[in-house]
Amino acid sequence: MMRKTILAAAAALSLAGCSAGADKTAAEAAVTQFHQMLDGARYSDIYAATAPDFRQATSEQQFTALLQQVHERLGAVRNASRTGWQVNYNTSGHMVTLNYTTQFASGQAREDFVYRVTGATANLVNYRVNSDAAPVTATQPADQTVPPPSDEGGKPGGEDDTGGK
């Protein structure tokens, strides 16, 4: 009986790990697409790819103003390096937080993305950017349903890109 319980728990953890990996991959692809659209000044397309609750909290005009400031002050994305990530499962769905150090043409910035992942689709729920090189004054209104991005890197429980627990 105990062996069956252990096997069931191991199978559940294994499936959760696979789901977390797929969710993280979908969110990373969304960040790449976000940067491509930002470089192309395709702000409406970025806004269209946000989650419904994002659009309730932030108008397209507000978000476009933020994206324009980022694009105009920092320039094109040269390189984006993920510095941390976290996957949470809650009543709002699968939430993936990705932290990046991004080198833009005119300076470096820290970007924090929170995506809700459903299947292979990642929709932006929250975006934060901070740069000393070219301060951005517009901010996205805080979404109270999403936990703040983690600075610790990795997933809860100590799993990370180096092979996990």
N, C-alpha and C. Protein backbone atom coordinates (compact mmCIF):
# COMPACT_ATOMS: atom_id res chain seq x y z
N MET A 1 0.82 -1.19 0.00
CA MET A 1 0.00 0.00 0.00
C MET A 1 0.87 1.25 0.00
N MET A 2 1.90 1.26 0.87
CA MET A 2 2.80 2.40 0.97
C MET A 2 3.54 2.62 -0.35
N ARG A 3 3.93 1.52 -1.00
CA ARG A 3 4.65 1.61 -2.26
C ARG A 3 3.78 2.25 -3.34
N LYS A 4 2.50 1.91 -3.38
CA LYS A 4 1.58 2.50 -4.36
C LYS A 4 1.43 4.00 -4.13
N THR A 5 1.37 4.40 -2.88
CA THR A 5 1.26 5.82 -2.53
C THR A 5 2.50 6.58 -2.97
N ILE A 6 3.66 6.01 -2.74
CA ILE A 6 4.91 6.64 -3.14
C ILE A 6 4.99 6.74 -4.66
N LEU A 7 4.61 5.68 -5.36
CA LEU A 7 4.63 5.70 -6.82
C LEU A 7 3.64 6.74 -7.38
N ALA A 8 2.48 6.85 -6.78
CA ALA A 8 1.49 7.85 -7.22
C ALA A 8 2.01 9.26 -7.01
N ALA A 9 2.65 9.49 -5.87
CA ALA A 9 3.21 10.82 -5.58
C ALA A 9 4.34 11.14 -6.54
N ALA A 10 5.19 10.16 -6.83
CA ALA A 10 6.30 10.38 -7.76
C ALA A 10 5.77 10.68 -9.16
N ALA A 11 4.72 9.97 -9.58
CA ALA A 11 4.13 10.22 -10.90
C ALA A 11 3.53 11.62 -10.97
N ALA A 12 2.86 12.05 -9.92
CA ALA A 12 2.27 13.39 -9.90
C ALA A 12 3.35 14.46 -9.97
N LEU A 13 4.43 14.30 -9.22
CA LEU A 13 5.53 15.26 -9.26
C LEU A 13 6.19 15.29 -10.63
N SER A 14 6.32 14.13 -11.24
CA SER A 14 6.91 14.05 -12.58
C SER A 14 6.07 14.81 -13.59
N LEU A 15 4.76 14.63 -13.54
CA LEU A 15 3.87 15.35 -14.46
C LEU A 15 3.90 16.84 -14.22
N ALA A 16 3.95 17.26 -12.97
CA ALA A 16 4.02 18.68 -12.64
C ALA A 16 5.31 19.27 -13.17
N GLY A 17 6.41 18.53 -13.07
CA GLY A 17 7.69 19.01 -13.59
C GLY A 17 7.65 19.19 -15.08
N CYS A 18 7.01 18.26 -15.79
CA CYS A 18 6.88 18.39 -17.25
C CYS A 18 6.04 19.60 -17.61
N SER A 19 4.95 19.80 -16.87
CA SER A 19 4.08 20.94 -17.12
C SER A 19 4.82 22.24 -16.86
N ALA A 20 5.59 22.31 -15.77
CA ALA A 20 6.35 23.52 -15.45
C ALA A 20 7.34 23.83 -16.57
N GLY A 21 8.01 22.81 -17.08
CA GLY A 21 8.96 23.02 -18.17
C GLY A 21 8.29 23.52 -19.42
N ALA A 22 7.13 22.97 -19.75
CA ALA A 22 6.40 23.40 -20.94
C ALA A 22 5.87 24.82 -20.76
N ASP A 23 5.39 25.13 -19.55
CA ASP A 23 4.88 26.48 -19.26
C ASP A 23 6.01 27.50 -19.38
N LYS A 24 7.17 27.17 -18.82
CA LYS A 24 8.33 28.08 -18.88
C LYS A 24 8.75 28.29 -20.33
N THR A 25 8.78 27.23 -21.11
CA THR A 25 9.16 27.33 -22.52
C THR A 25 8.18 28.23 -23.29
N ALA A 26 6.89 28.09 -23.03
CA ALA A 26 5.89 28.93 -23.70
C ALA A 26 6.07 30.39 -23.32
N ALA A 27 6.34 30.66 -22.04
CA ALA A 27 6.54 32.03 -21.59
C ALA A 27 7.82 32.63 -22.18
N GLU A 28 8.89 31.85 -22.25
CA GLU A 28 10.13 32.33 -22.85
C GLU A 28 9.94 32.69 -24.32
N ALA A 29 9.18 31.88 -25.03
CA ALA A 29 8.88 32.19 -26.43
C ALA A 29 8.08 33.49 -26.53
N ALA A 30 7.18 33.71 -25.57
CA ALA A 30 6.38 34.94 -25.56
C ALA A 30 7.26 36.16 -25.30
N VAL A 31 8.28 36.03 -24.46
CA VAL A 31 9.21 37.14 -24.22
C VAL A 31 9.97 37.47 -25.51
N THR A 32 10.43 36.45 -26.21
CA THR A 32 11.13 36.67 -27.48
C THR A 32 10.22 37.42 -28.46
N GLN A 33 8.97 36.99 -28.53
CA GLN A 33 8.01 37.66 -29.42
C GLN A 33 7.74 39.09 -28.95
N PHE A 34 7.62 39.29 -27.65
CA PHE A 34 7.42 40.63 -27.08
C PHE A 34 8.55 41.55 -27.54
N HIS A 35 9.80 41.09 -27.40
CA HIS A 35 10.95 41.92 -27.79
C HIS A 35 10.94 42.21 -29.29
N GLN A 36 10.59 41.24 -30.11
CA GLN A 36 10.52 41.46 -31.56
C GLN A 36 9.45 42.51 -31.88
N MET A 37 8.31 42.41 -31.25
CA MET A 37 7.24 43.38 -31.50
C MET A 37 7.62 44.76 -30.95
N LEU A 38 8.31 44.80 -29.80
CA LEU A 38 8.76 46.08 -29.26
C LEU A 38 9.72 46.75 -30.23
N ASP A 39 10.67 45.99 -30.75
CA ASP A 39 11.62 46.54 -31.72
C ASP A 39 10.93 47.05 -32.98
N GLY A 40 9.82 46.43 -33.35
CA GLY A 40 9.05 46.84 -34.52
C GLY A 40 7.98 47.87 -34.21
N ALA A 41 7.95 48.38 -32.98
CA ALA A 41 6.95 49.36 -32.53
C ALA A 41 5.53 48.83 -32.74
N ARG A 42 5.34 47.55 -32.57
CA ARG A 42 4.03 46.91 -32.75
C ARG A 42 3.32 46.83 -31.40
N TYR A 43 3.06 47.98 -30.82
CA TYR A 43 2.51 48.08 -29.47
C TYR A 43 1.10 47.49 -29.39
N SER A 44 0.29 47.70 -30.40
CA SER A 44 -1.07 47.15 -30.40
C SER A 44 -1.05 45.63 -30.41
N ASP A 45 -0.09 45.06 -31.12
CA ASP A 45 0.03 43.60 -31.16
C ASP A 45 0.45 43.06 -29.79
N ILE A 46 1.34 43.78 -29.10
CA ILE A 46 1.74 43.36 -27.76
C ILE A 46 0.52 43.40 -26.85
N TYR A 47 -0.23 44.50 -26.93
CA TYR A 47 -1.41 44.64 -26.07
C TYR A 47 -2.45 43.56 -26.37
N ALA A 48 -2.61 43.22 -27.63
CA ALA A 48 -3.58 42.19 -28.01
C ALA A 48 -3.21 40.82 -27.44
N ALA A 49 -1.93 40.61 -27.15
CA ALA A 49 -1.47 39.32 -26.61
C ALA A 49 -1.49 39.28 -25.08
N THR A 50 -2.05 40.31 -24.45
CA THR A 50 -2.13 40.32 -22.99
C THR A 50 -3.37 39.55 -22.52
N ALA A 51 -3.37 39.21 -21.26
CA ALA A 51 -4.50 38.50 -20.66
C ALA A 51 -5.66 39.47 -20.43
N PRO A 52 -6.89 38.97 -20.40
CA PRO A 52 -8.06 39.84 -20.19
C PRO A 52 -7.96 40.68 -18.92
N ASP A 53 -7.45 40.13 -17.82
CA ASP A 53 -7.35 40.90 -16.59
C ASP A 53 -6.30 42.01 -16.72
N PHE A 54 -5.30 41.81 -17.54
CA PHE A 54 -4.32 42.87 -17.81
C PHE A 54 -5.05 44.03 -18.50
N ARG A 55 -5.87 43.69 -19.50
CA ARG A 55 -6.58 44.74 -20.25
C ARG A 55 -7.62 45.45 -19.39
N GLN A 56 -8.14 44.78 -18.36
CA GLN A 56 -9.06 45.44 -17.43
C GLN A 56 -8.32 46.44 -16.55
N ALA A 57 -7.09 46.12 -16.18
CA ALA A 57 -6.31 46.97 -15.28
C ALA A 57 -5.56 48.08 -16.00
N THR A 58 -5.26 47.87 -17.29
CA THR A 58 -4.42 48.80 -18.04
C THR A 58 -5.01 49.03 -19.42
N SER A 59 -5.23 50.29 -19.75
CA SER A 59 -5.75 50.61 -21.09
C SER A 59 -4.64 50.45 -22.13
N GLU A 60 -5.04 50.29 -23.36
CA GLU A 60 -4.06 50.19 -24.44
C GLU A 60 -3.24 51.48 -24.52
N GLN A 61 -3.88 52.61 -24.29
CA GLN A 61 -3.19 53.90 -24.33
C GLN A 61 -2.11 53.97 -23.23
N GLN A 62 -2.43 53.53 -22.02
CA GLN A 62 -1.45 53.53 -20.92
C GLN A 62 -0.26 52.62 -21.23
N PHE A 63 -0.57 51.43 -21.71
CA PHE A 63 0.50 50.47 -21.97
C PHE A 63 1.35 50.91 -23.16
N THR A 64 0.71 51.46 -24.17
CA THR A 64 1.44 51.96 -25.33
C THR A 64 2.40 53.07 -24.91
N ALA A 65 1.97 53.94 -24.01
CA ALA A 65 2.85 55.02 -23.53
C ALA A 65 4.09 54.44 -22.85
N LEU A 66 3.91 53.39 -22.05
CA LEU A 66 5.05 52.74 -21.40
C LEU A 66 5.98 52.13 -22.44
N LEU A 67 5.41 51.38 -23.37
CA LEU A 67 6.23 50.71 -24.39
C LEU A 67 6.96 51.71 -25.28
N GLN A 68 6.31 52.81 -25.61
CA GLN A 68 6.97 53.85 -26.41
C GLN A 68 8.16 54.43 -25.65
N GLN A 69 8.01 54.67 -24.36
CA GLN A 69 9.12 55.19 -23.57
C GLN A 69 10.28 54.20 -23.55
N VAL A 70 9.98 52.95 -23.34
CA VAL A 70 11.03 51.93 -23.32
C VAL A 70 11.75 51.92 -24.66
N HIS A 71 10.98 51.90 -25.74
CA HIS A 71 11.57 51.80 -27.09
C HIS A 71 12.35 53.06 -27.45
N GLU A 72 11.79 54.24 -27.15
CA GLU A 72 12.45 55.49 -27.52
C GLU A 72 13.68 55.76 -26.66
N ARG A 73 13.62 55.46 -25.38
CA ARG A 73 14.75 55.77 -24.49
C ARG A 73 15.84 54.72 -24.49
N LEU A 74 15.46 53.46 -24.66
CA LEU A 74 16.45 52.40 -24.58
C LEU A 74 16.85 51.86 -25.95
N GLY A 75 16.00 52.01 -26.95
CA GLY A 75 16.32 51.53 -28.29
C GLY A 75 16.02 50.05 -28.47
N ALA A 76 16.62 49.49 -29.49
CA ALA A 76 16.36 48.10 -29.87
C ALA A 76 17.00 47.13 -28.88
N VAL A 77 16.38 45.99 -28.74
CA VAL A 77 16.91 44.93 -27.88
C VAL A 77 18.13 44.32 -28.58
N ARG A 78 19.23 44.27 -27.86
CA ARG A 78 20.46 43.66 -28.38
C ARG A 78 20.62 42.23 -27.86
N ASN A 79 20.31 42.05 -26.58
CA ASN A 79 20.46 40.74 -25.96
C ASN A 79 19.61 40.70 -24.71
N ALA A 80 18.95 39.58 -24.47
CA ALA A 80 18.16 39.41 -23.26
C ALA A 80 18.61 38.12 -22.59
N SER A 81 19.00 38.25 -21.34
CA SER A 81 19.50 37.11 -20.58
C SER A 81 18.58 36.86 -19.39
N ARG A 82 17.99 35.67 -19.34
CA ARG A 82 17.10 35.33 -18.24
C ARG A 82 17.93 35.16 -16.97
N THR A 83 17.53 35.85 -15.91
CA THR A 83 18.25 35.79 -14.65
C THR A 83 17.50 35.04 -13.56
N GLY A 84 16.23 34.77 -13.78
CA GLY A 84 15.44 34.04 -12.80
C GLY A 84 14.09 33.66 -13.37
N TRP A 85 13.46 32.69 -12.76
CA TRP A 85 12.14 32.26 -13.20
C TRP A 85 11.44 31.55 -12.05
N GLN A 86 10.12 31.53 -12.18
CA GLN A 86 9.29 30.88 -11.17
C GLN A 86 7.99 30.45 -11.83
N VAL A 87 7.51 29.28 -11.48
CA VAL A 87 6.22 28.78 -11.97
C VAL A 87 5.34 28.56 -10.76
N ASN A 88 4.14 29.16 -10.81
CA ASN A 88 3.16 28.99 -9.74
C ASN A 88 1.87 28.45 -10.34
N TYR A 89 1.23 27.56 -9.61
CA TYR A 89 -0.08 27.06 -9.98
C TYR A 89 -1.05 27.55 -8.92
N ASN A 90 -2.06 28.31 -9.36
CA ASN A 90 -3.05 28.80 -8.41
C ASN A 90 -4.40 28.89 -9.10
N THR A 91 -5.36 29.46 -8.44
CA THR A 91 -6.71 29.53 -9.01
C THR A 91 -6.77 30.40 -10.25
N SER A 92 -5.77 31.25 -10.46
CA SER A 92 -5.71 32.08 -11.67
C SER A 92 -5.08 31.33 -12.83
N GLY A 93 -4.59 30.11 -12.59
CA GLY A 93 -3.99 29.31 -13.65
C GLY A 93 -2.50 29.10 -13.42
N HIS A 94 -1.82 28.74 -14.49
CA HIS A 94 -0.38 28.52 -14.45
C HIS A 94 0.28 29.88 -14.68
N MET A 95 0.98 30.38 -13.67
CA MET A 95 1.62 31.69 -13.75
C MET A 95 3.13 31.50 -13.82
N VAL A 96 3.75 32.10 -14.83
CA VAL A 96 5.19 32.00 -15.00
C VAL A 96 5.78 33.39 -14.90
N THR A 97 6.71 33.57 -13.98
CA THR A 97 7.44 34.83 -13.83
C THR A 97 8.83 34.63 -14.40
N LEU A 98 9.22 35.52 -15.29
CA LEU A 98 10.56 35.48 -15.89
C LEU A 98 11.23 36.82 -15.63
N ASN A 99 12.46 36.78 -15.15
CA ASN A 99 13.25 37.97 -14.90
C ASN A 99 14.39 38.00 -15.91
N TYR A 100 14.59 39.15 -16.53
CA TYR A 100 15.63 39.30 -17.54
C TYR A 100 16.50 40.51 -17.27
N THR A 101 17.78 40.39 -17.59
CA THR A 101 18.65 41.54 -17.76
C THR A 101 18.76 41.70 -19.27
N THR A 102 18.28 42.84 -19.75
CA THR A 102 18.20 43.06 -21.19
C THR A 102 19.12 44.21 -21.59
N GLN A 103 19.95 43.93 -22.57
CA GLN A 103 20.82 44.96 -23.12
C GLN A 103 20.11 45.57 -24.32
N PHE A 104 19.77 46.83 -24.19
CA PHE A 104 19.17 47.58 -25.28
C PHE A 104 20.28 48.40 -25.95
N ALA A 105 19.99 49.02 -27.08
CA ALA A 105 20.98 49.82 -27.80
C ALA A 105 21.54 50.95 -26.93
N SER A 106 20.71 51.54 -26.07
CA SER A 106 21.15 52.69 -25.27
C SER A 106 21.38 52.39 -23.80
N GLY A 107 21.36 51.15 -23.43
CA GLY A 107 21.61 50.82 -22.03
C GLY A 107 20.97 49.52 -21.61
N GLN A 108 21.21 49.18 -20.37
CA GLN A 108 20.72 47.93 -19.81
C GLN A 108 19.49 48.18 -18.95
N ALA A 109 18.61 47.17 -18.89
CA ALA A 109 17.41 47.26 -18.06
C ALA A 109 17.11 45.91 -17.45
N ARG A 110 16.39 45.95 -16.36
CA ARG A 110 15.83 44.72 -15.78
C ARG A 110 14.37 44.67 -16.20
N GLU A 111 13.97 43.55 -16.75
CA GLU A 111 12.58 43.35 -17.15
C GLU A 111 12.02 42.16 -16.37
N ASP A 112 10.80 42.32 -15.88
CA ASP A 112 10.08 41.25 -15.20
C ASP A 112 8.78 41.03 -15.95
N PHE A 113 8.57 39.81 -16.38
CA PHE A 113 7.37 39.42 -17.11
C PHE A 113 6.61 38.40 -16.28
N VAL A 114 5.29 38.51 -16.23
CA VAL A 114 4.45 37.47 -15.64
C VAL A 114 3.46 37.07 -16.72
N TYR A 115 3.44 35.79 -17.03
CA TYR A 115 2.54 35.24 -18.04
C TYR A 115 1.61 34.21 -17.42
N ARG A 116 0.37 34.19 -17.91
CA ARG A 116 -0.55 33.11 -17.59
C ARG A 116 -0.48 32.17 -18.79
N VAL A 117 -0.17 30.91 -18.51
CA VAL A 117 0.01 29.93 -19.58
C VAL A 117 -1.16 28.95 -19.57
N THR A 118 -1.78 28.82 -20.73
CA THR A 118 -2.85 27.86 -20.94
C THR A 118 -2.48 27.04 -22.16
N GLY A 119 -2.23 25.76 -21.96
CA GLY A 119 -1.75 24.94 -23.07
C GLY A 119 -0.40 25.47 -23.52
N ALA A 120 -0.29 25.82 -24.80
CA ALA A 120 0.95 26.36 -25.34
C ALA A 120 0.89 27.88 -25.50
N THR A 121 -0.18 28.50 -24.99
CA THR A 121 -0.37 29.93 -25.14
C THR A 121 -0.03 30.67 -23.85
N ALA A 122 0.83 31.69 -23.98
CA ALA A 122 1.23 32.51 -22.84
C ALA A 122 0.70 33.93 -23.06
N ASN A 123 -0.09 34.42 -22.10
CA ASN A 123 -0.63 35.78 -22.18
C ASN A 123 -0.04 36.62 -21.06
N LEU A 124 0.45 37.80 -21.42
CA LEU A 124 1.08 38.69 -20.46
C LEU A 124 0.07 39.17 -19.42
N VAL A 125 0.45 39.07 -18.15
CA VAL A 125 -0.38 39.51 -17.04
C VAL A 125 0.24 40.73 -16.36
N ASN A 126 1.57 40.82 -16.39
CA ASN A 126 2.25 41.94 -15.75
C ASN A 126 3.60 42.15 -16.41
N TYR A 127 4.00 43.41 -16.56
CA TYR A 127 5.31 43.76 -17.13
C TYR A 127 5.89 44.91 -16.33
N ARG A 128 7.14 44.75 -15.93
CA ARG A 128 7.86 45.81 -15.23
C ARG A 128 9.21 45.98 -15.90
N VAL A 129 9.65 47.23 -15.99
CA VAL A 129 10.96 47.50 -16.55
C VAL A 129 11.62 48.57 -15.69
N ASN A 130 12.93 48.40 -15.48
CA ASN A 130 13.67 49.35 -14.66
C ASN A 130 15.05 49.52 -15.27
N SER A 131 15.44 50.78 -15.52
CA SER A 131 16.74 51.05 -16.10
C SER A 131 17.31 52.34 -15.55
N ASP A 132 18.55 52.28 -15.10
CA ASP A 132 19.25 53.48 -14.67
C ASP A 132 19.75 54.26 -15.88
N ALA A 133 19.99 53.56 -17.00
CA ALA A 133 20.55 54.19 -18.19
C ALA A 133 19.59 55.20 -18.81
N ALA A 134 18.32 54.88 -18.81
CA ALA A 134 17.31 55.75 -19.40
C ALA A 134 16.02 55.54 -18.62
N PRO A 135 15.84 56.26 -17.51
CA PRO A 135 14.67 56.03 -16.66
C PRO A 135 13.34 56.12 -17.43
N VAL A 136 12.50 55.17 -17.15
CA VAL A 136 11.16 55.12 -17.73
C VAL A 136 10.21 55.56 -16.63
N THR A 137 9.39 56.59 -16.94
CA THR A 137 8.54 57.14 -15.89
C THR A 137 7.15 56.52 -15.86
N ALA A 138 6.67 56.02 -16.97
CA ALA A 138 5.34 55.40 -16.99
C ALA A 138 5.44 54.01 -16.39
N THR A 139 4.40 53.61 -15.67
CA THR A 139 4.38 52.27 -15.10
C THR A 139 3.04 51.64 -15.36
N GLN A 140 3.05 50.33 -15.42
CA GLN A 140 1.81 49.60 -15.56
C GLN A 140 1.17 49.53 -14.19
N PRO A 141 -0.13 49.79 -14.07
CA PRO A 141 -0.78 49.65 -12.76
C PRO A 141 -0.57 48.25 -12.20
N ALA A 142 -0.34 48.17 -10.92
CA ALA A 142 -0.07 46.88 -10.28
C ALA A 142 -1.29 45.98 -10.37
N ASP A 143 -1.06 44.73 -10.66
CA ASP A 143 -2.10 43.72 -10.69
C ASP A 143 -2.05 42.99 -9.36
N GLN A 144 -3.05 43.18 -8.55
CA GLN A 144 -3.05 42.62 -7.20
C GLN A 144 -3.22 41.11 -7.18
N THR A 145 -3.59 40.49 -8.30
CA THR A 145 -3.80 39.04 -8.31
C THR A 145 -2.52 38.27 -8.60
N VAL A 146 -1.44 38.97 -8.92
CA VAL A 146 -0.20 38.30 -9.31
C VAL A 146 0.86 38.57 -8.27
N PRO A 147 1.56 37.53 -7.80
CA PRO A 147 2.62 37.77 -6.82
C PRO A 147 3.76 38.55 -7.47
N PRO A 148 4.50 39.34 -6.69
CA PRO A 148 5.61 40.08 -7.27
C PRO A 148 6.68 39.13 -7.78
N PRO A 149 7.43 39.55 -8.80
CA PRO A 149 8.48 38.68 -9.35
C PRO A 149 9.51 38.34 -8.28
N SER A 150 10.06 37.15 -8.37
CA SER A 150 11.08 36.70 -7.44
C SER A 150 12.45 37.11 -7.92
N ASP A 151 13.30 37.54 -7.01
CA ASP A 151 14.68 37.87 -7.35
C ASP A 151 15.59 36.67 -7.12
N GLU A 152 15.04 35.59 -6.61
CA GLU A 152 15.86 34.46 -6.22
C GLU A 152 16.21 33.56 -7.38
N GLY A 153 15.48 33.63 -8.49
CA GLY A 153 15.72 32.72 -9.60
C GLY A 153 15.20 31.35 -9.25
N GLY A 154 14.95 30.57 -10.26
CA GLY A 154 14.47 29.22 -10.03
C GLY A 154 13.03 29.15 -9.61
N LYS A 155 12.56 27.96 -9.43
CA LYS A 155 11.18 27.71 -9.05
C LYS A 155 11.10 27.51 -7.55
N PRO A 156 9.89 27.62 -7.01
CA PRO A 156 9.73 27.31 -5.59
C PRO A 156 10.20 25.89 -5.32
N GLY A 157 10.73 25.67 -4.17
CA GLY A 157 11.20 24.34 -3.84
C GLY A 157 12.63 24.11 -4.26
N GLY A 158 13.29 25.10 -4.86
CA GLY A 158 14.70 24.99 -5.17
C GLY A 158 15.01 24.44 -6.54
N GLU A 159 14.03 24.15 -7.37
CA GLU A 159 14.33 23.66 -8.70
C GLU A 159 14.78 24.82 -9.57
N ASP A 160 15.76 24.54 -10.43
CA ASP A 160 16.25 25.56 -11.34
C ASP A 160 16.74 24.93 -12.62
N ASP A 161 17.38 25.73 -13.46
CA ASP A 161 17.84 25.24 -14.77
C ASP A 161 19.03 24.30 -14.69
N THR A 162 19.62 24.13 -13.54
CA THR A 162 20.81 23.31 -13.44
C THR A 162 20.48 21.86 -13.15
N GLY A 163 19.26 21.47 -13.30
CA GLY A 163 18.89 20.08 -13.12
C GLY A 163 17.87 19.86 -12.04
N GLY A 164 17.49 20.90 -11.34
CA GLY A 164 16.44 20.78 -10.33
C GLY A 164 16.94 20.17 -9.05
N LYS A 165 15.98 19.68 -8.30
CA LYS A 165 16.27 19.11 -6.98
C LYS A 165 17.02 17.82 -7.10
